[in-house]
PDB file of all heavy atoms in Angstrom:
ATOM      1  N   THR A   1      18.249  18.790   9.643  1.00  0.00           N
ATOM      2  CA  THR A   1      18.070  19.744  10.657  1.00  0.00           C
ATOM      3  C   THR A   1      16.595  20.053  10.982  1.00  0.00           C
ATOM      4  O   THR A   1      15.772  20.075  10.141  1.00  0.00           O
ATOM      5  CB  THR A   1      18.547  21.109  10.022  1.00  0.00           C
ATOM      6  OG1 THR A   1      19.933  20.918   9.633  1.00  0.00           O
ATOM      7  CG2 THR A   1      18.521  22.233  11.007  1.00  0.00           C
ATOM      8  N   ILE A   2      16.428  19.977  12.302  1.00  0.00           N
ATOM      9  CA  ILE A   2      14.999  20.334  12.776  1.00  0.00           C
ATOM     10  C   ILE A   2      14.967  21.737  13.164  1.00  0.00           C
ATOM     11  O   ILE A   2      15.929  22.276  13.729  1.00  0.00           O
ATOM     12  CB  ILE A   2      14.678  19.376  14.026  1.00  0.00           C
ATOM     13  CG1 ILE A   2      13.205  19.426  14.339  1.00  0.00           C
ATOM     14  CG2 ILE A   2      15.585  19.622  15.149  1.00  0.00           C
ATOM     15  CD1 ILE A   2      12.741  18.439  15.276  1.00  0.00           C
ATOM     16  N   SER A   3      13.748  22.333  12.954  1.00  0.00           N
ATOM     17  CA  SER A   3      13.488  23.679  13.287  1.00  0.00           C
ATOM     18  C   SER A   3      12.054  23.879  13.595  1.00  0.00           C
ATOM     19  O   SER A   3      11.146  22.963  13.268  1.00  0.00           O
ATOM     20  CB  SER A   3      14.010  24.644  12.218  1.00  0.00           C
ATOM     21  OG  SER A   3      13.148  24.500  11.037  1.00  0.00           O
ATOM     22  N   ARG A   4      11.729  24.997  14.235  1.00  0.00           N
ATOM     23  CA  ARG A   4      10.258  25.178  14.529  1.00  0.00           C
ATOM     24  C   ARG A   4       9.874  26.642  14.212  1.00  0.00           C
ATOM     25  O   ARG A   4      10.732  27.551  14.239  1.00  0.00           O
ATOM     26  CB  ARG A   4      10.067  24.846  15.969  1.00  0.00           C
ATOM     27  CG  ARG A   4      10.616  25.881  17.028  1.00  0.00           C
ATOM     28  CD  ARG A   4      10.624  25.395  18.353  1.00  0.00           C
ATOM     29  NE  ARG A   4      10.841  26.394  19.427  1.00  0.00           N
ATOM     30  CZ  ARG A   4      12.007  27.031  19.560  1.00  0.00           C
ATOM     31  NH1 ARG A   4      13.045  26.787  18.853  1.00  0.00           N
ATOM     32  NH2 ARG A   4      11.996  28.016  20.465  1.00  0.00           N
ATOM     33  N   ASP A   5       8.583  26.895  14.081  1.00  0.00           N
ATOM     34  CA  ASP A   5       8.057  28.267  14.033  1.00  0.00           C
ATOM     35  C   ASP A   5       6.955  28.177  15.137  1.00  0.00           C
ATOM     36  O   ASP A   5       5.825  27.642  14.947  1.00  0.00           O
ATOM     37  CB  ASP A   5       7.392  28.494  12.619  1.00  0.00           C
ATOM     38  CG  ASP A   5       6.906  29.920  12.641  1.00  0.00           C
ATOM     39  OD1 ASP A   5       6.403  30.492  13.602  1.00  0.00           O
ATOM     40  OD2 ASP A   5       6.810  30.407  11.393  1.00  0.00           O
ATOM     41  N   SER A   6       7.305  28.770  16.199  1.00  0.00           N
ATOM     42  CA  SER A   6       6.415  28.736  17.476  1.00  0.00           C
ATOM     43  C   SER A   6       5.108  29.375  17.131  1.00  0.00           C
ATOM     44  O   SER A   6       4.085  28.943  17.597  1.00  0.00           O
ATOM     45  CB  SER A   6       7.133  29.318  18.704  1.00  0.00           C
ATOM     46  OG  SER A   6       8.277  28.502  19.013  1.00  0.00           O
ATOM     47  N   ALA A   7       5.093  30.439  16.474  1.00  0.00           N
ATOM     48  CA  ALA A   7       3.938  31.268  16.125  1.00  0.00           C
ATOM     49  C   ALA A   7       2.981  30.403  15.326  1.00  0.00           C
ATOM     50  O   ALA A   7       1.718  30.712  15.436  1.00  0.00           O
ATOM     51  CB  ALA A   7       4.284  32.549  15.427  1.00  0.00           C
ATOM     52  N   LYS A   8       3.536  29.598  14.563  1.00  0.00           N
ATOM     53  CA  LYS A   8       2.618  28.773  13.639  1.00  0.00           C
ATOM     54  C   LYS A   8       2.427  27.414  14.179  1.00  0.00           C
ATOM     55  O   LYS A   8       1.783  26.594  13.598  1.00  0.00           O
ATOM     56  CB  LYS A   8       3.284  28.741  12.311  1.00  0.00           C
ATOM     57  CG  LYS A   8       3.313  30.066  11.536  1.00  0.00           C
ATOM     58  CD  LYS A   8       3.924  29.806  10.173  1.00  0.00           C
ATOM     59  CE  LYS A   8       3.945  31.146   9.325  1.00  0.00           C
ATOM     60  NZ  LYS A   8       4.572  31.002   7.892  1.00  0.00           N
ATOM     61  N   ASN A   9       3.072  27.111  15.338  1.00  0.00           N
ATOM     62  CA  ASN A   9       2.889  25.745  15.962  1.00  0.00           C
ATOM     63  C   ASN A   9       3.247  24.671  14.969  1.00  0.00           C
ATOM     64  O   ASN A   9       2.607  23.686  14.734  1.00  0.00           O
ATOM     65  CB  ASN A   9       1.433  25.446  16.454  1.00  0.00           C
ATOM     66  CG  ASN A   9       1.083  26.248  17.596  1.00  0.00           C
ATOM     67  OD1 ASN A   9       1.863  26.562  18.552  1.00  0.00           O
ATOM     68  ND2 ASN A   9      -0.131  26.708  17.624  1.00  0.00           N
ATOM     69  N   THR A  10       4.407  24.927  14.255  1.00  0.00           N
ATOM     70  CA  THR A  10       4.825  24.035  13.149  1.00  0.00           C
ATOM     71  C   THR A  10       6.270  23.644  13.421  1.00  0.00           C
ATOM     72  O   THR A  10       7.169  24.469  13.850  1.00  0.00           O
ATOM     73  CB  THR A  10       4.827  24.869  11.840  1.00  0.00           C
ATOM     74  OG1 THR A  10       3.438  25.208  11.543  1.00  0.00           O
ATOM     75  CG2 THR A  10       5.209  23.930  10.702  1.00  0.00           C
ATOM     76  N   VAL A  11       6.632  22.446  13.109  1.00  0.00           N
ATOM     77  CA  VAL A  11       7.928  21.915  13.151  1.00  0.00           C
ATOM     78  C   VAL A  11       8.398  21.459  11.712  1.00  0.00           C
ATOM     79  O   VAL A  11       7.527  20.938  11.033  1.00  0.00           O
ATOM     80  CB  VAL A  11       8.080  20.836  14.110  1.00  0.00           C
ATOM     81  CG1 VAL A  11       7.228  19.542  13.854  1.00  0.00           C
ATOM     82  CG2 VAL A  11       9.520  20.357  14.459  1.00  0.00           C
ATOM     83  N   TYR A  12       9.650  21.583  11.377  1.00  0.00           N
ATOM     84  CA  TYR A  12      10.226  21.223  10.191  1.00  0.00           C
ATOM     85  C   TYR A  12      11.251  20.267  10.310  1.00  0.00           C
ATOM     86  O   TYR A  12      12.080  20.245  11.352  1.00  0.00           O
ATOM     87  CB  TYR A  12      10.602  22.534   9.488  1.00  0.00           C
ATOM     88  CG  TYR A  12       9.619  23.599   9.301  1.00  0.00           C
ATOM     89  CD1 TYR A  12       9.599  24.637  10.272  1.00  0.00           C
ATOM     90  CD2 TYR A  12       8.676  23.670   8.218  1.00  0.00           C
ATOM     91  CE1 TYR A  12       8.715  25.723  10.083  1.00  0.00           C
ATOM     92  CE2 TYR A  12       7.794  24.639   8.205  1.00  0.00           C
ATOM     93  CZ  TYR A  12       7.673  25.658   9.029  1.00  0.00           C
ATOM     94  OH  TYR A  12       6.830  26.750   8.987  1.00  0.00           O
ATOM     95  N   LEU A  13      11.488  19.579   9.203  1.00  0.00           N
ATOM     96  CA  LEU A  13      12.655  18.642   9.111  1.00  0.00           C
ATOM     97  C   LEU A  13      13.297  18.843   7.750  1.00  0.00           C
ATOM     98  O   LEU A  13      12.789  18.412   6.774  1.00  0.00           O
ATOM     99  CB  LEU A  13      12.392  17.279   9.386  1.00  0.00           C
ATOM    100  CG  LEU A  13      13.492  16.215   9.499  1.00  0.00           C
ATOM    101  CD1 LEU A  13      14.449  16.565  10.748  1.00  0.00           C
ATOM    102  CD2 LEU A  13      13.138  14.745   9.508  1.00  0.00           C
ATOM    103  N   GLN A  14      14.480  19.530   7.683  1.00  0.00           N
ATOM    104  CA  GLN A  14      15.251  19.653   6.558  1.00  0.00           C
ATOM    105  C   GLN A  14      16.131  18.393   6.288  1.00  0.00           C
ATOM    106  O   GLN A  14      16.969  18.264   7.156  1.00  0.00           O
ATOM    107  CB  GLN A  14      16.023  20.911   6.536  1.00  0.00           C
ATOM    108  CG  GLN A  14      16.842  21.057   5.268  1.00  0.00           C
ATOM    109  CD  GLN A  14      15.958  21.317   3.968  1.00  0.00           C
ATOM    110  OE1 GLN A  14      15.019  22.009   4.058  1.00  0.00           O
ATOM    111  NE2 GLN A  14      16.434  20.683   2.894  1.00  0.00           N
ATOM    112  N   MET A  15      15.886  17.611   5.292  1.00  0.00           N
ATOM    113  CA  MET A  15      16.740  16.482   5.075  1.00  0.00           C
ATOM    114  C   MET A  15      17.638  16.677   3.765  1.00  0.00           C
ATOM    115  O   MET A  15      17.018  16.844   2.683  1.00  0.00           O
ATOM    116  CB  MET A  15      15.788  15.338   4.878  1.00  0.00           C
ATOM    117  CG  MET A  15      14.840  15.165   6.041  1.00  0.00           C
ATOM    118  SD  MET A  15      13.765  13.582   5.940  1.00  0.00           S
ATOM    119  CE  MET A  15      12.887  13.983   4.464  1.00  0.00           C
ATOM    120  N   ASN A  16      18.870  16.597   4.040  1.00  0.00           N
ATOM    121  CA  ASN A  16      19.854  16.761   2.911  1.00  0.00           C
ATOM    122  C   ASN A  16      20.683  15.459   2.664  1.00  0.00           C
ATOM    123  O   ASN A  16      20.654  14.659   3.667  1.00  0.00           O
ATOM    124  CB  ASN A  16      20.763  17.967   3.199  1.00  0.00           C
ATOM    125  CG  ASN A  16      20.025  19.239   3.295  1.00  0.00           C
ATOM    126  OD1 ASN A  16      19.090  19.472   2.650  1.00  0.00           O
ATOM    127  ND2 ASN A  16      20.574  20.103   4.169  1.00  0.00           N
ATOM    128  N   SER A  17      21.254  15.301   1.557  1.00  0.00           N
ATOM    129  CA  SER A  17      22.080  14.172   1.279  1.00  0.00           C
ATOM    130  C   SER A  17      21.420  12.888   1.574  1.00  0.00           C
ATOM    131  O   SER A  17      21.932  12.025   2.275  1.00  0.00           O
ATOM    132  CB  SER A  17      23.432  14.256   2.109  1.00  0.00           C
ATOM    133  OG  SER A  17      24.082  15.409   1.873  1.00  0.00           O
ATOM    134  N   LEU A  18      20.166  12.773   1.051  1.00  0.00           N
ATOM    135  CA  LEU A  18      19.400  11.674   1.397  1.00  0.00           C
ATOM    136  C   LEU A  18      19.888  10.401   0.853  1.00  0.00           C
ATOM    137  O   LEU A  18      20.523  10.363  -0.292  1.00  0.00           O
ATOM    138  CB  LEU A  18      17.927  11.901   0.954  1.00  0.00           C
ATOM    139  CG  LEU A  18      17.056  12.794   1.820  1.00  0.00           C
ATOM    140  CD1 LEU A  18      15.905  13.306   0.961  1.00  0.00           C
ATOM    141  CD2 LEU A  18      16.678  12.055   3.101  1.00  0.00           C
ATOM    142  N   LYS A  19      19.713   9.286   1.597  1.00  0.00           N
ATOM    143  CA  LYS A  19      20.232   7.887   1.220  1.00  0.00           C
ATOM    144  C   LYS A  19      19.130   6.999   1.121  1.00  0.00           C
ATOM    145  O   LYS A  19      18.051   7.214   1.658  1.00  0.00           O
ATOM    146  CB  LYS A  19      21.235   7.444   2.261  1.00  0.00           C
ATOM    147  CG  LYS A  19      22.364   8.478   2.556  1.00  0.00           C
ATOM    148  CD  LYS A  19      23.242   7.775   3.665  1.00  0.00           C
ATOM    149  CE  LYS A  19      24.445   8.737   4.010  1.00  0.00           C
ATOM    150  NZ  LYS A  19      25.224   8.182   5.006  1.00  0.00           N
ATOM    151  N   SER A  20      19.344   5.875   0.450  1.00  0.00           N
ATOM    152  CA  SER A  20      18.249   4.930   0.251  1.00  0.00           C
ATOM    153  C   SER A  20      17.743   4.365   1.556  1.00  0.00           C
ATOM    154  O   SER A  20      16.610   4.158   1.771  1.00  0.00           O
ATOM    155  CB  SER A  20      18.751   3.821  -0.612  1.00  0.00           C
ATOM    156  OG  SER A  20      19.919   3.092  -0.016  1.00  0.00           O
ATOM    157  N   GLU A  21      18.613   4.374   2.489  1.00  0.00           N
ATOM    158  CA  GLU A  21      18.275   3.840   3.905  1.00  0.00           C
ATOM    159  C   GLU A  21      17.391   4.801   4.673  1.00  0.00           C
ATOM    160  O   GLU A  21      16.932   4.567   5.738  1.00  0.00           O
ATOM    161  CB  GLU A  21      19.451   3.452   4.787  1.00  0.00           C
ATOM    162  CG  GLU A  21      20.564   4.561   4.743  1.00  0.00           C
ATOM    163  CD  GLU A  21      21.658   4.218   3.840  1.00  0.00           C
ATOM    164  OE1 GLU A  21      21.321   3.954   2.663  1.00  0.00           O
ATOM    165  OE2 GLU A  21      22.818   4.399   4.150  1.00  0.00           O
ATOM    166  N   ASP A  22      17.249   6.062   4.069  1.00  0.00           N
ATOM    167  CA  ASP A  22      16.361   7.065   4.744  1.00  0.00           C
ATOM    168  C   ASP A  22      14.879   6.805   4.327  1.00  0.00           C
ATOM    169  O   ASP A  22      13.911   7.363   4.835  1.00  0.00           O
ATOM    170  CB  ASP A  22      16.705   8.424   4.409  1.00  0.00           C
ATOM    171  CG  ASP A  22      18.133   8.864   4.900  1.00  0.00           C
ATOM    172  OD1 ASP A  22      18.300   8.486   6.051  1.00  0.00           O
ATOM    173  OD2 ASP A  22      18.920   9.418   4.258  1.00  0.00           O
ATOM    174  N   THR A  23      14.693   5.998   3.393  1.00  0.00           N
ATOM    175  CA  THR A  23      13.337   5.605   2.998  1.00  0.00           C
ATOM    176  C   THR A  23      12.519   5.142   4.158  1.00  0.00           C
ATOM    177  O   THR A  23      12.876   4.102   4.809  1.00  0.00           O
ATOM    178  CB  THR A  23      13.350   4.576   1.907  1.00  0.00           C
ATOM    179  OG1 THR A  23      13.899   5.052   0.744  1.00  0.00           O
ATOM    180  CG2 THR A  23      11.985   4.082   1.514  1.00  0.00           C
ATOM    181  N   ALA A  24      11.383   5.810   4.483  1.00  0.00           N
ATOM    182  CA  ALA A  24      10.577   5.376   5.589  1.00  0.00           C
ATOM    183  C   ALA A  24       9.415   6.260   5.599  1.00  0.00           C
ATOM    184  O   ALA A  24       9.172   7.219   4.775  1.00  0.00           O
ATOM    185  CB  ALA A  24      11.365   5.551   6.959  1.00  0.00           C
ATOM    186  N   VAL A  25       8.357   5.966   6.492  1.00  0.00           N
ATOM    187  CA  VAL A  25       7.300   6.848   6.752  1.00  0.00           C
ATOM    188  C   VAL A  25       7.836   7.597   7.945  1.00  0.00           C
ATOM    189  O   VAL A  25       8.174   7.081   8.971  1.00  0.00           O
ATOM    190  CB  VAL A  25       6.027   6.083   7.126  1.00  0.00           C
ATOM    191  CG1 VAL A  25       4.841   7.037   7.497  1.00  0.00           C
ATOM    192  CG2 VAL A  25       5.589   5.199   5.982  1.00  0.00           C
ATOM    193  N   TYR A  26       7.586   8.975   7.816  1.00  0.00           N
ATOM    194  CA  TYR A  26       8.060   9.813   8.797  1.00  0.00           C
ATOM    195  C   TYR A  26       6.802  10.423   9.548  1.00  0.00           C
ATOM    196  O   TYR A  26       5.930  10.884   9.037  1.00  0.00           O
ATOM    197  CB  TYR A  26       8.914  11.041   8.115  1.00  0.00           C
ATOM    198  CG  TYR A  26      10.198  10.574   7.746  1.00  0.00           C
ATOM    199  CD1 TYR A  26      10.437   9.767   6.736  1.00  0.00           C
ATOM    200  CD2 TYR A  26      11.409  11.039   8.530  1.00  0.00           C
ATOM    201  CE1 TYR A  26      11.805   9.428   6.463  1.00  0.00           C
ATOM    202  CE2 TYR A  26      12.716  10.546   8.225  1.00  0.00           C
ATOM    203  CZ  TYR A  26      12.885   9.782   7.125  1.00  0.00           C
ATOM    204  OH  TYR A  26      14.104   9.328   6.750  1.00  0.00           O
ATOM    205  N   TYR A  27       6.920  10.462  10.921  1.00  0.00           N
ATOM    206  CA  TYR A  27       5.896  10.844  11.716  1.00  0.00           C
ATOM    207  C   TYR A  27       6.375  12.055  12.576  1.00  0.00           C
ATOM    208  O   TYR A  27       7.515  12.059  13.086  1.00  0.00           O
ATOM    209  CB  TYR A  27       5.424   9.722  12.671  1.00  0.00           C
ATOM    210  CG  TYR A  27       4.878   8.504  11.953  1.00  0.00           C
ATOM    211  CD1 TYR A  27       5.692   7.424  11.532  1.00  0.00           C
ATOM    212  CD2 TYR A  27       3.460   8.400  11.733  1.00  0.00           C
ATOM    213  CE1 TYR A  27       5.186   6.310  10.937  1.00  0.00           C
ATOM    214  CE2 TYR A  27       2.930   7.249  11.075  1.00  0.00           C
ATOM    215  CZ  TYR A  27       3.771   6.357  10.756  1.00  0.00           C
ATOM    216  OH  TYR A  27       3.224   5.192  10.123  1.00  0.00           O
ATOM    217  N   CYS A  28       5.522  12.921  12.793  1.00  0.00           N
ATOM    218  CA  CYS A  28       5.881  14.063  13.687  1.00  0.00           C
ATOM    219  C   CYS A  28       5.100  13.827  14.983  1.00  0.00           C
ATOM    220  O   CYS A  28       4.015  13.123  15.068  1.00  0.00           O
ATOM    221  CB  CYS A  28       5.454  15.427  13.184  1.00  0.00           C
ATOM    222  SG  CYS A  28       3.676  15.543  12.728  1.00  0.00           S
ATOM    223  N   SER A  29       5.597  14.280  16.089  1.00  0.00           N
ATOM    224  CA  SER A  29       5.024  14.207  17.337  1.00  0.00           C
ATOM    225  C   SER A  29       5.193  15.487  18.215  1.00  0.00           C
ATOM    226  O   SER A  29       6.330  16.099  18.118  1.00  0.00           O
ATOM    227  CB  SER A  29       5.763  13.036  18.132  1.00  0.00           C
ATOM    228  OG  SER A  29       5.119  12.852  19.487  1.00  0.00           O
ATOM    229  N   PHE A  30       4.152  15.791  18.891  1.00  0.00           N
ATOM    230  CA  PHE A  30       4.239  16.958  19.797  1.00  0.00           C
ATOM    231  C   PHE A  30       4.024  16.573  21.203  1.00  0.00           C
ATOM    232  O   PHE A  30       3.081  15.699  21.429  1.00  0.00           O
ATOM    233  CB  PHE A  30       3.134  18.053  19.426  1.00  0.00           C
ATOM    234  CG  PHE A  30       3.600  19.000  18.341  1.00  0.00           C
ATOM    235  CD1 PHE A  30       4.087  18.413  17.178  1.00  0.00           C
ATOM    236  CD2 PHE A  30       3.155  20.287  18.332  1.00  0.00           C
ATOM    237  CE1 PHE A  30       4.358  19.275  16.124  1.00  0.00           C
ATOM    238  CE2 PHE A  30       3.489  21.120  17.357  1.00  0.00           C
ATOM    239  CZ  PHE A  30       4.130  20.630  16.148  1.00  0.00           C
ATOM    240  N   HIS A  31       4.784  17.005  22.103  1.00  0.00           N
ATOM    241  CA  HIS A  31       4.526  16.766  23.589  1.00  0.00           C
ATOM    242  C   HIS A  31       3.913  18.011  24.130  1.00  0.00           C
ATOM    243  O   HIS A  31       4.613  19.041  24.267  1.00  0.00           O
ATOM    244  CB  HIS A  31       5.804  16.370  24.135  1.00  0.00           C
ATOM    245  CG  HIS A  31       5.710  16.171  25.642  1.00  0.00           C
ATOM    246  ND1 HIS A  31       6.801  16.204  26.565  1.00  0.00           N
ATOM    247  CD2 HIS A  31       4.603  15.756  26.403  1.00  0.00           C
ATOM    248  CE1 HIS A  31       6.349  15.989  27.902  1.00  0.00           C
ATOM    249  NE2 HIS A  31       5.008  15.732  27.707  1.00  0.00           N
ATOM    250  N   ILE A  32       2.610  17.916  24.360  1.00  0.00           N
ATOM    251  CA  ILE A  32       1.900  19.069  24.824  1.00  0.00           C
ATOM    252  C   ILE A  32       1.255  18.890  26.213  1.00  0.00           C
ATOM    253  O   ILE A  32       0.551  17.885  26.350  1.00  0.00           O
ATOM    254  CB  ILE A  32       0.807  19.526  23.881  1.00  0.00           C
ATOM    255  CG1 ILE A  32       1.372  19.751  22.417  1.00  0.00           C
ATOM    256  CG2 ILE A  32      -0.080  20.713  24.366  1.00  0.00           C
ATOM    257  CD1 ILE A  32       0.270  19.987  21.331  1.00  0.00           C
ATOM    258  N   GLY A  33       1.781  19.593  27.233  1.00  0.00           N
ATOM    259  CA  GLY A  33       1.263  19.312  28.562  1.00  0.00           C
ATOM    260  C   GLY A  33       1.816  18.002  28.936  1.00  0.00           C
ATOM    261  O   GLY A  33       2.911  17.760  29.078  1.00  0.00           O
ATOM    262  N   THR A  34       0.907  17.094  29.335  1.00  0.00           N
ATOM    263  CA  THR A  34       1.143  15.656  29.777  1.00  0.00           C
ATOM    264  C   THR A  34       0.832  14.647  28.683  1.00  0.00           C
ATOM    265  O   THR A  34       0.803  13.475  28.945  1.00  0.00           O
ATOM    266  CB  THR A  34       0.474  15.318  31.018  1.00  0.00           C
ATOM    267  OG1 THR A  34      -0.930  15.424  30.788  1.00  0.00           O
ATOM    268  CG2 THR A  34       0.791  16.309  32.142  1.00  0.00           C
ATOM    269  N   SER A  35       0.544  15.189  27.490  1.00  0.00           N
ATOM    270  CA  SER A  35       0.057  14.299  26.405  1.00  0.00           C
ATOM    271  C   SER A  35       1.060  14.347  25.215  1.00  0.00           C
ATOM    272  O   SER A  35       1.600  15.225  25.009  1.00  0.00           O
ATOM    273  CB  SER A  35      -1.314  14.573  25.923  1.00  0.00           C
ATOM    274  OG  SER A  35      -2.219  14.504  27.014  1.00  0.00           O
ATOM    275  N   TYR A  36       1.063  13.251  24.440  1.00  0.00           N
ATOM    276  CA  TYR A  36       1.772  13.100  23.159  1.00  0.00           C
ATOM    277  C   TYR A  36       0.777  12.938  21.999  1.00  0.00           C
ATOM    278  O   TYR A  36      -0.178  12.215  22.125  1.00  0.00           O
ATOM    279  CB  TYR A  36       2.704  11.976  23.174  1.00  0.00           C
ATOM    280  CG  TYR A  36       3.914  12.162  24.134  1.00  0.00           C
ATOM    281  CD1 TYR A  36       3.928  11.759  25.478  1.00  0.00           C
ATOM    282  CD2 TYR A  36       5.208  12.691  23.638  1.00  0.00           C
ATOM    283  CE1 TYR A  36       4.892  11.970  26.339  1.00  0.00           C
ATOM    284  CE2 TYR A  36       6.260  12.877  24.491  1.00  0.00           C
ATOM    285  CZ  TYR A  36       6.125  12.444  25.886  1.00  0.00           C
ATOM    286  OH  TYR A  36       7.247  12.654  26.629  1.00  0.00           O
ATOM    287  N   TYR A  37       1.061  13.762  21.004  1.00  0.00           N
ATOM    288  CA  TYR A  37       0.204  13.678  19.801  1.00  0.00           C
ATOM    289  C   TYR A  37       1.011  13.252  18.579  1.00  0.00           C
ATOM    290  O   TYR A  37       2.231  13.697  18.462  1.00  0.00           O
ATOM    291  CB  TYR A  37      -0.459  15.007  19.540  1.00  0.00           C
ATOM    292  CG  TYR A  37      -1.375  15.474  20.723  1.00  0.00           C
ATOM    293  CD1 TYR A  37      -0.820  16.216  21.881  1.00  0.00           C
ATOM    294  CD2 TYR A  37      -2.774  15.099  20.810  1.00  0.00           C
ATOM    295  CE1 TYR A  37      -1.670  16.576  22.866  1.00  0.00           C
ATOM    296  CE2 TYR A  37      -3.541  15.398  21.884  1.00  0.00           C
ATOM    297  CZ  TYR A  37      -2.910  16.172  22.946  1.00  0.00           C
ATOM    298  OH  TYR A  37      -3.721  16.565  24.010  1.00  0.00           O
ATOM    299  N   TRP A  38       0.386  12.513  17.660  1.00  0.00           N
ATOM    300  CA  TRP A  38       1.134  12.017  16.434  1.00  0.00           C
ATOM    301  C   TRP A  38       0.418  12.537  15.202  1.00  0.00           C
ATOM    302  O   TRP A  38      -0.819  12.549  15.120  1.00  0.00           O
ATOM    303  CB  TRP A  38       1.180  10.540  16.491  1.00  0.00           C
ATOM    304  CG  TRP A  38       2.021  10.151  17.655  1.00  0.00           C
ATOM    305  CD1 TRP A  38       1.607   9.770  18.879  1.00  0.00           C
ATOM    306  CD2 TRP A  38       3.448   9.741  17.484  1.00  0.00           C
ATOM    307  NE1 TRP A  38       2.793   9.321  19.570  1.00  0.00           N
ATOM    308  CE2 TRP A  38       3.817   9.320  18.680  1.00  0.00           C
ATOM    309  CE3 TRP A  38       4.462   9.870  16.457  1.00  0.00           C
ATOM    310  CZ2 TRP A  38       5.146   8.915  19.040  1.00  0.00           C
ATOM    311  CZ3 TRP A  38       5.763   9.416  16.734  1.00  0.00           C
ATOM    312  CH2 TRP A  38       6.124   8.979  18.023  1.00  0.00           C
ATOM    313  N   GLY A  39       1.201  12.819  14.148  1.00  0.00           N
ATOM    314  CA  GLY A  39       0.723  13.107  12.922  1.00  0.00           C
ATOM    315  C   GLY A  39       0.414  11.781  12.197  1.00  0.00           C
ATOM    316  O   GLY A  39       0.835  10.777  12.631  1.00  0.00           O
ATOM    317  N   GLN A  40      -0.104  11.866  10.936  1.00  0.00           N
ATOM    318  CA  GLN A  40      -0.615  10.709  10.339  1.00  0.00           C
ATOM    319  C   GLN A  40       0.582  10.001   9.470  1.00  0.00           C
ATOM    320  O   GLN A  40       0.408   8.975   8.962  1.00  0.00           O
ATOM    321  CB  GLN A  40      -1.699  11.101   9.229  1.00  0.00           C
ATOM    322  CG  GLN A  40      -1.186  11.703   7.860  1.00  0.00           C
ATOM    323  CD  GLN A  40      -0.708  13.186   8.095  1.00  0.00           C
ATOM    324  OE1 GLN A  40      -0.588  13.713   9.027  1.00  0.00           O
ATOM    325  NE2 GLN A  40      -0.471  13.768   6.900  1.00  0.00           N
ATOM    326  N   GLY A  41       1.739  10.694   9.355  1.00  0.00           N
ATOM    327  CA  GLY A  41       2.857  10.171   8.668  1.00  0.00           C
ATOM    328  C   GLY A  41       2.951  10.569   7.189  1.00  0.00           C
ATOM    329  O   GLY A  41       1.845  10.726   6.574  1.00  0.00           O
TER     330      GLY A  41
END
C-alpha cells in the first residue's frame, strides 16, 4: 500500500506478506514540476 503525507513531503510503502522475490533495492521517485528526482535506494 502506497500512501503520502503531503505536509511532510513524504511517501510511504507498506509492504505485507513479503516474499523472497520481493528482495530488491527499492527507490523512491518524485515528479516535481517537469523534473524527476530519485532517492538513494
